[in-house]
């Protein structure tokens, strides 16, 4: 049974035991009999991944993790695009009708009440990833977005910044609210007065980051640092700074969130919050496989909530603010 659990990628196996079983499998060159497993388990598991994410860097990392874990767990992964506000209900129903065993919902679909309701009504096991408010009846994989955003803002305060601009993420995602609240909490903890002119809206897209950075830097008293809710918007902020002849981080500090591949492909490389995107997608596949296996075995659904650690990664885009010369008074 232990070997079966390891082969099926179930989460309820001690790591030391899992390593011992995998070592034995490699030594013996053991290959499971697919026909026997199909008869015993009701066929190879088919799990769906519905995506609608404007960040190609985020999606790429998410797909890598989920595909790797699906291969380890010997499950078939069906990936389908599902745009919110367009045909998400139709795509979800089509996946259900195809006989899918379970579904993973990365952001922003993790917060789509319409998709979740359709899957719940059909009794399809679901795992939501990176939501700020895990729904009842679904398993979830998240980080602590509030604490992560607070940690980054506290870092900027410790560098000496008192005017810190913030670009909010898409309002249709609950994680956006938590990151904004974390920023505000750190501002309050530092005894800084909240300033509405330092907070602008975004959509987690590069384009919205350009607009947000322009708005912040056009202010009468612009910020010395910009903290964007994802790396795409942070990269756009760096581009705006360069276009205005500002040095990053000499004239303007810019920080992001996610630590996607984009964070290390621009110059200067971004200081950012590392969200373990690939690990989160791997954990989602493991949770879903476990839930499906439990259902096939006549057990209860496992609606667990896995919270992974975040890390503040400091690179070359942050520094202490330069002292601005005092404004001249004309008499």
C-alpha atoms as a PDB file:
ATOM      1  CA  UNK A   1       0.000   0.000   0.000  1.00  0.00           C
ATOM      2  CA  UNK A   2       2.875   2.388   0.808  1.00  0.00           C
ATOM      3  CA  UNK A   3       4.474   1.750  -2.591  1.00  0.00           C
ATOM      4  CA  UNK A   4       1.105   2.348  -4.240  1.00  0.00           C
ATOM      5  CA  UNK A   5       0.732   5.660  -2.416  1.00  0.00           C
ATOM      6  CA  UNK A   6       4.174   6.822  -3.527  1.00  0.00           C
ATOM      7  CA  UNK A   7       3.561   5.801  -7.160  1.00  0.00           C
ATOM      8  CA  UNK A   8       0.205   7.575  -7.156  1.00  0.00           C
ATOM      9  CA  UNK A   9       1.771  10.767  -5.778  1.00  0.00           C
ATOM     10  CA  UNK A  10      -0.289  10.865  -2.611  1.00  0.00           C
ATOM     11  CA  UNK A  11       0.662  13.495  -0.057  1.00  0.00           C
ATOM     12  CA  UNK A  12       0.183  11.307   3.048  1.00  0.00           C
ATOM     13  CA  UNK A  13       3.606   9.624   2.939  1.00  0.00           C
ATOM     14  CA  UNK A  14       6.576  10.614   5.077  1.00  0.00           C
ATOM     15  CA  UNK A  15       9.390  12.129   3.012  1.00  0.00           C
ATOM     16  CA  UNK A  16      11.955   9.598   4.258  1.00  0.00           C
ATOM     17  CA  UNK A  17       9.642   6.736   3.279  1.00  0.00           C
ATOM     18  CA  UNK A  18       8.960   8.304  -0.120  1.00  0.00           C
ATOM     19  CA  UNK A  19      12.700   8.600  -0.807  1.00  0.00           C
ATOM     20  CA  UNK A  20      13.300   4.975   0.214  1.00  0.00           C
ATOM     21  CA  UNK A  21      10.526   3.720  -2.084  1.00  0.00           C
ATOM     22  CA  UNK A  22      11.756   5.853  -5.013  1.00  0.00           C
ATOM     23  CA  UNK A  23      15.306   4.544  -4.475  1.00  0.00           C
ATOM     24  CA  UNK A  24      14.020   0.958  -4.559  1.00  0.00           C
ATOM     25  CA  UNK A  25      12.005   1.666  -7.706  1.00  0.00           C
ATOM     26  CA  UNK A  26      15.112   3.077  -9.432  1.00  0.00           C
ATOM     27  CA  UNK A  27      17.298   0.161  -8.282  1.00  0.00           C
ATOM     28  CA  UNK A  28      14.804  -2.505  -9.389  1.00  0.00           C
ATOM     29  CA  UNK A  29      13.793  -0.546 -12.528  1.00  0.00           C
ATOM     30  CA  UNK A  30      10.199  -1.170 -11.510  1.00  0.00           C
ATOM     31  CA  UNK A  31       7.460  -0.029 -13.881  1.00  0.00           C
ATOM     32  CA  UNK A  32       3.811  -0.207 -12.781  1.00  0.00           C
ATOM     33  CA  UNK A  33       1.424  -2.296 -14.863  1.00  0.00           C
ATOM     34  CA  UNK A  34      -0.864   0.321 -16.381  1.00  0.00           C
ATOM     35  CA  UNK A  35      -3.575  -2.174 -17.247  1.00  0.00           C
ATOM     36  CA  UNK A  36      -3.703  -3.494 -13.680  1.00  0.00           C
ATOM     37  CA  UNK A  37      -3.758   0.004 -12.278  1.00  0.00           C
ATOM     38  CA  UNK A  38      -6.550   0.980 -14.630  1.00  0.00           C
ATOM     39  CA  UNK A  39      -8.691  -1.936 -13.462  1.00  0.00           C
ATOM     40  CA  UNK A  40      -7.965  -1.272  -9.793  1.00  0.00           C
ATOM     41  CA  UNK A  41      -8.377   2.482  -9.891  1.00  0.00           C
ATOM     42  CA  UNK A  42     -11.121   2.936 -12.430  1.00  0.00           C
ATOM     43  CA  UNK A  43      -8.798   4.186 -15.198  1.00  0.00           C
ATOM     44  CA  UNK A  44      -5.947   6.661 -15.324  1.00  0.00           C
ATOM     45  CA  UNK A  45      -6.798   9.893 -13.557  1.00  0.00           C
ATOM     46  CA  UNK A  46      -7.529  12.869 -15.784  1.00  0.00           C
ATOM     47  CA  UNK A  47      -7.202  16.247 -14.129  1.00  0.00           C
ATOM     48  CA  UNK A  48      -7.927  19.598 -15.690  1.00  0.00           C
ATOM     49  CA  UNK A  49      -6.125  22.917 -15.374  1.00  0.00           C
ATOM     50  CA  UNK A  50      -8.196  25.925 -16.373  1.00  0.00           C
ATOM     51  CA  UNK A  51      -6.134  29.073 -16.860  1.00  0.00           C
ATOM     52  CA  UNK A  52      -6.738  32.729 -17.566  1.00  0.00           C
ATOM     53  CA  UNK A  53      -3.651  34.619 -16.447  1.00  0.00           C
ATOM     54  CA  UNK A  54      -2.370  37.785 -18.158  1.00  0.00           C
ATOM     55  CA  UNK A  55       1.197  37.131 -16.938  1.00  0.00           C
ATOM     56  CA  UNK A  56       3.019  34.770 -19.296  1.00  0.00           C
ATOM     57  CA  UNK A  57       5.903  34.465 -16.822  1.00  0.00           C
ATOM     58  CA  UNK A  58       3.583  33.355 -13.991  1.00  0.00           C
ATOM     59  CA  UNK A  59       1.682  30.923 -16.193  1.00  0.00           C
ATOM     60  CA  UNK A  60       4.868  29.374 -17.580  1.00  0.00           C
ATOM     61  CA  UNK A  61       6.201  28.604 -14.105  1.00  0.00           C
ATOM     62  CA  UNK A  62       2.822  27.268 -12.982  1.00  0.00           C
ATOM     63  CA  UNK A  63       2.625  24.920 -15.974  1.00  0.00           C
ATOM     64  CA  UNK A  64       6.146  23.592 -15.397  1.00  0.00           C
ATOM     65  CA  UNK A  65       5.336  22.601 -11.813  1.00  0.00           C
ATOM     66  CA  UNK A  66       1.963  21.039 -12.608  1.00  0.00           C
ATOM     67  CA  UNK A  67       3.276  19.078 -15.603  1.00  0.00           C
ATOM     68  CA  UNK A  68       6.219  17.735 -13.587  1.00  0.00           C
ATOM     69  CA  UNK A  69       3.970  16.568 -10.739  1.00  0.00           C
ATOM     70  CA  UNK A  70       1.370  15.127 -13.114  1.00  0.00           C
ATOM     71  CA  UNK A  71       4.120  13.044 -14.709  1.00  0.00           C
ATOM     72  CA  UNK A  72       5.366  11.856 -11.303  1.00  0.00           C
ATOM     73  CA  UNK A  73       1.832  10.947 -10.252  1.00  0.00           C
ATOM     74  CA  UNK A  74       1.104   9.244 -13.602  1.00  0.00           C
ATOM     75  CA  UNK A  75      -2.000  11.334 -14.242  1.00  0.00           C
ATOM     76  CA  UNK A  76      -3.136  12.944 -17.461  1.00  0.00           C
ATOM     77  CA  UNK A  77      -3.193  16.759 -17.322  1.00  0.00           C
ATOM     78  CA  UNK A  78      -5.692  18.562 -19.564  1.00  0.00           C
ATOM     79  CA  UNK A  79      -4.915  22.286 -19.965  1.00  0.00           C
ATOM     80  CA  UNK A  80      -7.561  24.667 -21.278  1.00  0.00           C
ATOM     81  CA  UNK A  81      -7.764  28.447 -21.589  1.00  0.00           C
ATOM     82  CA  UNK A  82     -10.805  29.896 -19.864  1.00  0.00           C
ATOM     83  CA  UNK A  83     -11.235  33.673 -20.029  1.00  0.00           C
ATOM     84  CA  UNK A  84     -13.292  35.282 -17.267  1.00  0.00           C
ATOM     85  CA  UNK A  85     -16.364  37.101 -18.532  1.00  0.00           C
ATOM     86  CA  UNK A  86     -16.230  35.341 -21.877  1.00  0.00           C
ATOM     87  CA  UNK A  87     -16.986  31.627 -21.789  1.00  0.00           C
ATOM     88  CA  UNK A  88     -15.674  30.297 -18.497  1.00  0.00           C
ATOM     89  CA  UNK A  89     -18.940  28.487 -17.670  1.00  0.00           C
ATOM     90  CA  UNK A  90     -19.002  26.851 -21.092  1.00  0.00           C
ATOM     91  CA  UNK A  91     -15.386  25.663 -20.782  1.00  0.00           C
ATOM     92  CA  UNK A  92     -15.927  24.345 -17.249  1.00  0.00           C
ATOM     93  CA  UNK A  93     -19.063  22.425 -18.302  1.00  0.00           C
ATOM     94  CA  UNK A  94     -17.285  21.009 -21.343  1.00  0.00           C
ATOM     95  CA  UNK A  95     -14.511  19.734 -19.083  1.00  0.00           C
ATOM     96  CA  UNK A  96     -17.057  18.172 -16.716  1.00  0.00           C
ATOM     97  CA  UNK A  97     -18.869  16.481 -19.626  1.00  0.00           C
ATOM     98  CA  UNK A  98     -15.565  15.034 -20.839  1.00  0.00           C
ATOM     99  CA  UNK A  99     -15.395  13.022 -17.611  1.00  0.00           C
ATOM    100  CA  UNK A 100     -12.622  14.958 -15.884  1.00  0.00           C
ATOM    101  CA  UNK A 101     -11.760  13.608 -12.409  1.00  0.00           C
ATOM    102  CA  UNK A 102     -10.750  16.917 -10.843  1.00  0.00           C
ATOM    103  CA  UNK A 103      -9.801  20.514 -11.646  1.00  0.00           C
ATOM    104  CA  UNK A 104      -7.053  22.974 -10.609  1.00  0.00           C
ATOM    105  CA  UNK A 105      -7.847  26.688 -10.699  1.00  0.00           C
ATOM    106  CA  UNK A 106      -4.879  29.104 -10.646  1.00  0.00           C
ATOM    107  CA  UNK A 107      -5.502  32.877 -10.426  1.00  0.00           C
ATOM    108  CA  UNK A 108      -7.694  34.609 -11.418  1.00  0.00           C
ATOM    109  CA  UNK A 109     -10.089  31.650 -11.860  1.00  0.00           C
ATOM    110  CA  UNK A 110      -9.428  30.629  -8.237  1.00  0.00           C
ATOM    111  CA  UNK A 111     -11.732  33.522  -7.303  1.00  0.00           C
ATOM    112  CA  UNK A 112     -14.377  32.937  -9.981  1.00  0.00           C
ATOM    113  CA  UNK A 113     -17.566  32.152  -8.071  1.00  0.00           C
ATOM    114  CA  UNK A 114     -19.302  31.150 -11.310  1.00  0.00           C
ATOM    115  CA  UNK A 115     -16.724  28.464 -12.193  1.00  0.00           C
ATOM    116  CA  UNK A 116     -16.517  27.189  -8.612  1.00  0.00           C
ATOM    117  CA  UNK A 117     -20.320  26.874  -8.415  1.00  0.00           C
ATOM    118  CA  UNK A 118     -20.453  24.817 -11.638  1.00  0.00           C
ATOM    119  CA  UNK A 119     -17.703  22.454 -10.436  1.00  0.00           C
ATOM    120  CA  UNK A 120     -19.217  22.117  -6.954  1.00  0.00           C
ATOM    121  CA  UNK A 121     -22.690  21.392  -8.357  1.00  0.00           C
ATOM    122  CA  UNK A 122     -21.190  18.635 -10.536  1.00  0.00           C
ATOM    123  CA  UNK A 123     -19.311  17.180  -7.563  1.00  0.00           C
ATOM    124  CA  UNK A 124     -15.901  17.619  -9.199  1.00  0.00           C
ATOM    125  CA  UNK A 125     -12.974  17.791  -6.721  1.00  0.00           C
ATOM    126  CA  UNK A 126     -11.292  21.182  -7.049  1.00  0.00           C
ATOM    127  CA  UNK A 127      -8.069  22.778  -5.822  1.00  0.00           C
ATOM    128  CA  UNK A 128      -7.741  26.572  -5.909  1.00  0.00           C
ATOM    129  CA  UNK A 129      -4.290  28.165  -5.973  1.00  0.00           C
ATOM    130  CA  UNK A 130      -3.199  31.606  -4.703  1.00  0.00           C
ATOM    131  CA  UNK A 131      -6.638  32.768  -3.618  1.00  0.00           C
ATOM    132  CA  UNK A 132      -6.932  35.161  -0.713  1.00  0.00           C
ATOM    133  CA  UNK A 133     -10.143  33.515   0.457  1.00  0.00           C
ATOM    134  CA  UNK A 134     -10.284  29.702   0.051  1.00  0.00           C
ATOM    135  CA  UNK A 135     -13.914  28.655  -0.558  1.00  0.00           C
ATOM    136  CA  UNK A 136     -15.677  25.978   1.468  1.00  0.00           C
ATOM    137  CA  UNK A 137     -15.634  22.556  -0.153  1.00  0.00           C
ATOM    138  CA  UNK A 138     -12.394  23.076  -2.093  1.00  0.00           C
ATOM    139  CA  UNK A 139      -8.774  22.366  -1.256  1.00  0.00           C
ATOM    140  CA  UNK A 140      -6.369  25.299  -1.522  1.00  0.00           C
ATOM    141  CA  UNK A 141      -2.673  26.127  -1.890  1.00  0.00           C
ATOM    142  CA  UNK A 142      -1.611  29.648  -0.919  1.00  0.00           C
ATOM    143  CA  UNK A 143       1.032  31.843   0.646  1.00  0.00           C
ATOM    144  CA  UNK A 144       0.363  34.576   3.235  1.00  0.00           C
ATOM    145  CA  UNK A 145      -0.085  37.499   0.820  1.00  0.00           C
ATOM    146  CA  UNK A 146      -0.808  39.963   3.639  1.00  0.00           C
ATOM    147  CA  UNK A 147       2.394  39.215   5.553  1.00  0.00           C
ATOM    148  CA  UNK A 148       4.468  39.076   2.367  1.00  0.00           C
ATOM    149  CA  UNK A 149       3.344  42.550   1.280  1.00  0.00           C
ATOM    150  CA  UNK A 150       3.850  43.889   4.791  1.00  0.00           C
ATOM    151  CA  UNK A 151       7.389  42.448   4.861  1.00  0.00           C
ATOM    152  CA  UNK A 152       8.317  44.155   1.580  1.00  0.00           C
ATOM    153  CA  UNK A 153       6.898  47.504   2.704  1.00  0.00           C
ATOM    154  CA  UNK A 154       8.726  47.240   6.040  1.00  0.00           C
ATOM    155  CA  UNK A 155      11.926  46.557   4.083  1.00  0.00           C
ATOM    156  CA  UNK A 156      11.442  49.774   2.111  1.00  0.00           C
ATOM    157  CA  UNK A 157      10.758  51.750   5.283  1.00  0.00           C
ATOM    158  CA  UNK A 158      13.975  50.401   6.840  1.00  0.00           C
ATOM    159  CA  UNK A 159      15.874  51.588   3.775  1.00  0.00           C
ATOM    160  CA  UNK A 160      14.658  55.099   4.626  1.00  0.00           C
ATOM    161  CA  UNK A 161      11.714  55.515   2.273  1.00  0.00           C
ATOM    162  CA  UNK A 162       8.725  57.402   3.615  1.00  0.00           C
ATOM    163  CA  UNK A 163       6.907  58.005   0.330  1.00  0.00           C
ATOM    164  CA  UNK A 164       6.217  54.530  -1.018  1.00  0.00           C
ATOM    165  CA  UNK A 165       3.942  54.163  -4.021  1.00  0.00           C
ATOM    166  CA  UNK A 166       1.835  51.034  -4.366  1.00  0.00           C
ATOM    167  CA  UNK A 167       0.251  49.546  -7.499  1.00  0.00           C
ATOM    168  CA  UNK A 168      -2.701  47.321  -6.587  1.00  0.00           C
ATOM    169  CA  UNK A 169      -3.395  44.095  -8.486  1.00  0.00           C
ATOM    170  CA  UNK A 170      -6.562  43.183 -10.331  1.00  0.00           C
ATOM    171  CA  UNK A 171      -9.640  43.916  -8.169  1.00  0.00           C
ATOM    172  CA  UNK A 172     -11.223  40.585  -9.221  1.00  0.00           C
ATOM    173  CA  UNK A 173      -8.580  38.692  -7.213  1.00  0.00           C
ATOM    174  CA  UNK A 174      -8.744  38.416  -3.432  1.00  0.00           C
ATOM    175  CA  UNK A 175      -4.937  38.274  -3.190  1.00  0.00           C
ATOM    176  CA  UNK A 176      -4.854  41.872  -4.490  1.00  0.00           C
ATOM    177  CA  UNK A 177      -6.818  43.031  -1.464  1.00  0.00           C
ATOM    178  CA  UNK A 178      -4.558  41.178   0.967  1.00  0.00           C
ATOM    179  CA  UNK A 179      -1.395  42.643  -0.565  1.00  0.00           C
ATOM    180  CA  UNK A 180      -2.864  46.134  -0.394  1.00  0.00           C
ATOM    181  CA  UNK A 181      -3.854  45.592   3.237  1.00  0.00           C
ATOM    182  CA  UNK A 182      -0.350  44.344   4.050  1.00  0.00           C
ATOM    183  CA  UNK A 183       1.138  47.489   2.518  1.00  0.00           C
ATOM    184  CA  UNK A 184      -1.233  49.719   4.506  1.00  0.00           C
ATOM    185  CA  UNK A 185      -0.486  47.838   7.747  1.00  0.00           C
ATOM    186  CA  UNK A 186       3.259  48.413   7.347  1.00  0.00           C
ATOM    187  CA  UNK A 187       2.709  52.097   6.557  1.00  0.00           C
ATOM    188  CA  UNK A 188       0.634  52.447   9.745  1.00  0.00           C
ATOM    189  CA  UNK A 189       3.158  50.471  11.829  1.00  0.00           C
ATOM    190  CA  UNK A 190       5.896  52.870  10.684  1.00  0.00           C
ATOM    191  CA  UNK A 191       3.855  55.872  11.838  1.00  0.00           C
ATOM    192  CA  UNK A 192       3.548  57.197   8.283  1.00  0.00           C
ATOM    193  CA  UNK A 193       0.401  59.038   7.273  1.00  0.00           C
ATOM    194  CA  UNK A 194      -1.595  57.211   4.591  1.00  0.00           C
ATOM    195  CA  UNK A 195      -1.635  59.108   1.302  1.00  0.00           C
ATOM    196  CA  UNK A 196      -4.224  58.168  -1.308  1.00  0.00           C
ATOM    197  CA  UNK A 197      -2.094  59.715  -4.059  1.00  0.00           C
ATOM    198  CA  UNK A 198       0.505  56.992  -3.451  1.00  0.00           C
ATOM    199  CA  UNK A 199      -1.894  54.130  -4.240  1.00  0.00           C
ATOM    200  CA  UNK A 200      -3.028  53.453  -7.814  1.00  0.00           C
ATOM    201  CA  UNK A 201      -4.986  50.670  -9.463  1.00  0.00           C
ATOM    202  CA  UNK A 202      -3.541  47.942 -11.653  1.00  0.00           C
ATOM    203  CA  UNK A 203      -4.581  44.727 -13.398  1.00  0.00           C
ATOM    204  CA  UNK A 204      -1.464  42.536 -12.949  1.00  0.00           C
ATOM    205  CA  UNK A 205      -0.551  43.410 -16.572  1.00  0.00           C
ATOM    206  CA  UNK A 206       2.519  45.183 -17.943  1.00  0.00           C
ATOM    207  CA  UNK A 207       0.278  47.793 -19.586  1.00  0.00           C
ATOM    208  CA  UNK A 208      -1.461  48.638 -16.317  1.00  0.00           C
ATOM    209  CA  UNK A 209       1.962  48.894 -14.657  1.00  0.00           C
ATOM    210  CA  UNK A 210       2.992  51.518 -17.213  1.00  0.00           C
ATOM    211  CA  UNK A 211      -0.141  53.538 -16.495  1.00  0.00           C
ATOM    212  CA  UNK A 212       0.218  53.173 -12.723  1.00  0.00           C
ATOM    213  CA  UNK A 213       3.874  54.225 -12.674  1.00  0.00           C
ATOM    214  CA  UNK A 214       3.166  57.245 -14.885  1.00  0.00           C
ATOM    215  CA  UNK A 215       0.387  58.309 -12.513  1.00  0.00           C
ATOM    216  CA  UNK A 216       2.616  57.959  -9.442  1.00  0.00           C
ATOM    217  CA  UNK A 217       5.582  59.785 -10.953  1.00  0.00           C
ATOM    218  CA  UNK A 218       3.376  62.616 -12.287  1.00  0.00           C
ATOM    219  CA  UNK A 219       2.358  63.482  -8.715  1.00  0.00           C
ATOM    220  CA  UNK A 220       3.432  66.832  -7.232  1.00  0.00           C
ATOM    221  CA  UNK A 221       5.426  64.960  -4.584  1.00  0.00           C
ATOM    222  CA  UNK A 222       6.272  61.630  -6.275  1.00  0.00           C
ATOM    223  CA  UNK A 223       7.327  58.534  -4.346  1.00  0.00           C
ATOM    224  CA  UNK A 224      10.966  57.531  -3.872  1.00  0.00           C
ATOM    225  CA  UNK A 225       9.945  53.866  -4.105  1.00  0.00           C
ATOM    226  CA  UNK A 226       7.288  51.905  -5.995  1.00  0.00           C
ATOM    227  CA  UNK A 227       6.055  48.529  -4.773  1.00  0.00           C
ATOM    228  CA  UNK A 228       4.033  46.787  -7.475  1.00  0.00           C
ATOM    229  CA  UNK A 229       1.739  43.841  -6.726  1.00  0.00           C
ATOM    230  CA  UNK A 230       3.455  41.632  -9.314  1.00  0.00           C
ATOM    231  CA  UNK A 231       6.658  41.538 -11.322  1.00  0.00           C
ATOM    232  CA  UNK A 232       5.001  42.483 -14.627  1.00  0.00           C
ATOM    233  CA  UNK A 233       3.842  45.812 -13.189  1.00  0.00           C
ATOM    234  CA  UNK A 234       7.186  46.326 -11.446  1.00  0.00           C
ATOM    235  CA  UNK A 235       9.052  45.755 -14.723  1.00  0.00           C
ATOM    236  CA  UNK A 236       6.789  48.314 -16.374  1.00  0.00           C
ATOM    237  CA  UNK A 237       7.598  50.775 -13.576  1.00  0.00           C
ATOM    238  CA  UNK A 238      11.318  50.325 -14.265  1.00  0.00           C
ATOM    239  CA  UNK A 239      10.682  51.031 -17.957  1.00  0.00           C
ATOM    240  CA  UNK A 240       8.796  54.240 -17.114  1.00  0.00           C
ATOM    241  CA  UNK A 241      11.623  55.359 -14.819  1.00  0.00           C
ATOM    242  CA  UNK A 242      14.220  54.760 -17.548  1.00  0.00           C
ATOM    243  CA  UNK A 243      12.101  56.639 -20.081  1.00  0.00           C
ATOM    244  CA  UNK A 244      12.045  59.623 -17.712  1.00  0.00           C
ATOM    245  CA  UNK A 245      15.796  59.532 -17.247  1.00  0.00           C
ATOM    246  CA  UNK A 246      15.568  58.222 -13.672  1.00  0.00           C
ATOM    247  CA  UNK A 247      18.158  55.804 -12.369  1.00  0.00           C
ATOM    248  CA  UNK A 248      16.872  52.633 -10.710  1.00  0.00           C
ATOM    249  CA  UNK A 249      17.584  52.344  -7.830  1.00  0.00           C
ATOM    250  CA  UNK A 250      19.528  55.621  -7.496  1.00  0.00           C
ATOM    251  CA  UNK A 251      16.560  57.904  -8.148  1.00  0.00           C
ATOM    252  CA  UNK A 252      13.740  55.421  -7.703  1.00  0.00           C
ATOM    253  CA  UNK A 253      13.485  52.053  -5.952  1.00  0.00           C
ATOM    254  CA  UNK A 254      11.180  49.515  -7.616  1.00  0.00           C
ATOM    255  CA  UNK A 255      10.075  46.212  -6.067  1.00  0.00           C
ATOM    256  CA  UNK A 256       7.737  43.483  -7.261  1.00  0.00           C
ATOM    257  CA  UNK A 257       5.919  40.335  -6.207  1.00  0.00           C
ATOM    258  CA  UNK A 258       6.091  36.701  -7.482  1.00  0.00           C
ATOM    259  CA  UNK A 259       9.769  36.323  -8.428  1.00  0.00           C
ATOM    260  CA  UNK A 260       8.788  35.097 -11.873  1.00  0.00           C
ATOM    261  CA  UNK A 261      11.392  34.651 -14.620  1.00  0.00           C
ATOM    262  CA  UNK A 262      10.799  38.271 -15.625  1.00  0.00           C
ATOM    263  CA  UNK A 263      12.371  39.472 -12.353  1.00  0.00           C
ATOM    264  CA  UNK A 264      15.828  38.359 -13.500  1.00  0.00           C
ATOM    265  CA  UNK A 265      15.521  39.123 -17.216  1.00  0.00           C
ATOM    266  CA  UNK A 266      15.245  42.915 -16.908  1.00  0.00           C
ATOM    267  CA  UNK A 267      17.846  45.440 -15.780  1.00  0.00           C
ATOM    268  CA  UNK A 268      18.285  46.031 -12.963  1.00  0.00           C
ATOM    269  CA  UNK A 269      17.092  42.677 -11.632  1.00  0.00           C
ATOM    270  CA  UNK A 270      14.071  43.082  -9.364  1.00  0.00           C
ATOM    271  CA  UNK A 271      13.959  42.927  -5.609  1.00  0.00           C
ATOM    272  CA  UNK A 272      10.738  40.985  -5.109  1.00  0.00           C
ATOM    273  CA  UNK A 273       8.697  38.591  -3.014  1.00  0.00           C
ATOM    274  CA  UNK A 274       9.412  35.017  -4.043  1.00  0.00           C
ATOM    275  CA  UNK A 275       6.121  33.181  -4.364  1.00  0.00           C
ATOM    276  CA  UNK A 276       6.970  29.492  -4.985  1.00  0.00           C
ATOM    277  CA  UNK A 277       4.722  29.260  -8.035  1.00  0.00           C
ATOM    278  CA  UNK A 278       5.998  25.922  -9.347  1.00  0.00           C
ATOM    279  CA  UNK A 279       5.907  24.372  -5.857  1.00  0.00           C
ATOM    280  CA  UNK A 280       2.347  25.651  -5.396  1.00  0.00           C
ATOM    281  CA  UNK A 281       1.216  23.986  -8.623  1.00  0.00           C
ATOM    282  CA  UNK A 282       2.973  20.755  -7.636  1.00  0.00           C
ATOM    283  CA  UNK A 283       1.215  20.797  -4.261  1.00  0.00           C
ATOM    284  CA  UNK A 284      -2.106  21.430  -6.038  1.00  0.00           C
ATOM    285  CA  UNK A 285      -1.657  18.321  -8.206  1.00  0.00           C
ATOM    286  CA  UNK A 286      -0.759  16.259  -5.126  1.00  0.00           C
ATOM    287  CA  UNK A 287      -3.824  17.492  -3.225  1.00  0.00           C
ATOM    288  CA  UNK A 288      -6.107  16.802  -6.161  1.00  0.00           C
ATOM    289  CA  UNK A 289      -4.733  13.313  -6.797  1.00  0.00           C
ATOM    290  CA  UNK A 290      -5.188  12.511  -3.098  1.00  0.00           C
ATOM    291  CA  UNK A 291      -8.781  13.762  -3.152  1.00  0.00           C
ATOM    292  CA  UNK A 292      -9.634  11.708  -6.248  1.00  0.00           C
ATOM    293  CA  UNK A 293      -7.967   8.600  -4.824  1.00  0.00           C
ATOM    294  CA  UNK A 294      -9.920   8.995  -1.573  1.00  0.00           C
ATOM    295  CA  UNK A 295     -13.170   9.296  -3.499  1.00  0.00           C
ATOM    296  CA  UNK A 296     -12.429   6.190  -5.578  1.00  0.00           C
ATOM    297  CA  UNK A 297     -11.595   4.319  -2.366  1.00  0.00           C
ATOM    298  CA  UNK A 298     -14.914   5.316  -0.799  1.00  0.00           C
ATOM    299  CA  UNK A 299     -13.354   7.815   1.618  1.00  0.00           C
ATOM    300  CA  UNK A 300     -14.248  11.421   2.281  1.00  0.00           C
ATOM    301  CA  UNK A 301     -12.962  14.300   0.172  1.00  0.00           C
ATOM    302  CA  UNK A 302      -9.752  15.857   1.508  1.00  0.00           C
ATOM    303  CA  UNK A 303     -10.301  19.620   1.486  1.00  0.00           C
ATOM    304  CA  UNK A 304      -6.926  20.634   2.895  1.00  0.00           C
ATOM    305  CA  UNK A 305      -5.309  24.068   2.891  1.00  0.00           C
ATOM    306  CA  UNK A 306      -1.565  24.108   2.243  1.00  0.00           C
ATOM    307  CA  UNK A 307       0.268  27.366   3.041  1.00  0.00           C
ATOM    308  CA  UNK A 308       3.781  27.605   1.575  1.00  0.00           C
ATOM    309  CA  UNK A 309       6.508  30.018   2.641  1.00  0.00           C
ATOM    310  CA  UNK A 310       7.352  33.243   0.822  1.00  0.00           C
ATOM    311  CA  UNK A 311      10.813  34.848   0.715  1.00  0.00           C
ATOM    312  CA  UNK A 312      11.913  38.451   0.238  1.00  0.00           C
ATOM    313  CA  UNK A 313      14.611  38.289  -2.453  1.00  0.00           C
ATOM    314  CA  UNK A 314      16.826  41.344  -2.615  1.00  0.00           C
ATOM    315  CA  UNK A 315      18.531  42.112  -5.922  1.00  0.00           C
ATOM    316  CA  UNK A 316      19.602  45.373  -7.618  1.00  0.00           C
ATOM    317  CA  UNK A 317      16.432  47.472  -7.865  1.00  0.00           C
ATOM    318  CA  UNK A 318      16.253  48.834  -4.305  1.00  0.00           C
ATOM    319  CA  UNK A 319      18.392  51.293  -2.346  1.00  0.00           C
ATOM    320  CA  UNK A 320      18.135  54.052   0.243  1.00  0.00           C
ATOM    321  CA  UNK A 321      16.500  57.196  -1.151  1.00  0.00           C
ATOM    322  CA  UNK A 322      18.676  60.028  -2.345  1.00  0.00           C
ATOM    323  CA  UNK A 323      18.248  63.200  -0.363  1.00  0.00           C
ATOM    324  CA  UNK A 324      16.323  65.640  -2.484  1.00  0.00           C
ATOM    325  CA  UNK A 325      17.479  69.250  -2.401  1.00  0.00           C
ATOM    326  CA  UNK A 326      15.120  71.547  -0.489  1.00  0.00           C
ATOM    327  CA  UNK A 327      12.755  73.523  -2.671  1.00  0.00           C
ATOM    328  CA  UNK A 328      13.754  77.141  -3.184  1.00  0.00           C
ATOM    329  CA  UNK A 329      11.542  79.880  -1.810  1.00  0.00           C
ATOM    330  CA  UNK A 330      11.176  82.820  -4.185  1.00  0.00           C
ATOM    331  CA  UNK A 331      10.705  86.184  -2.493  1.00  0.00           C
END
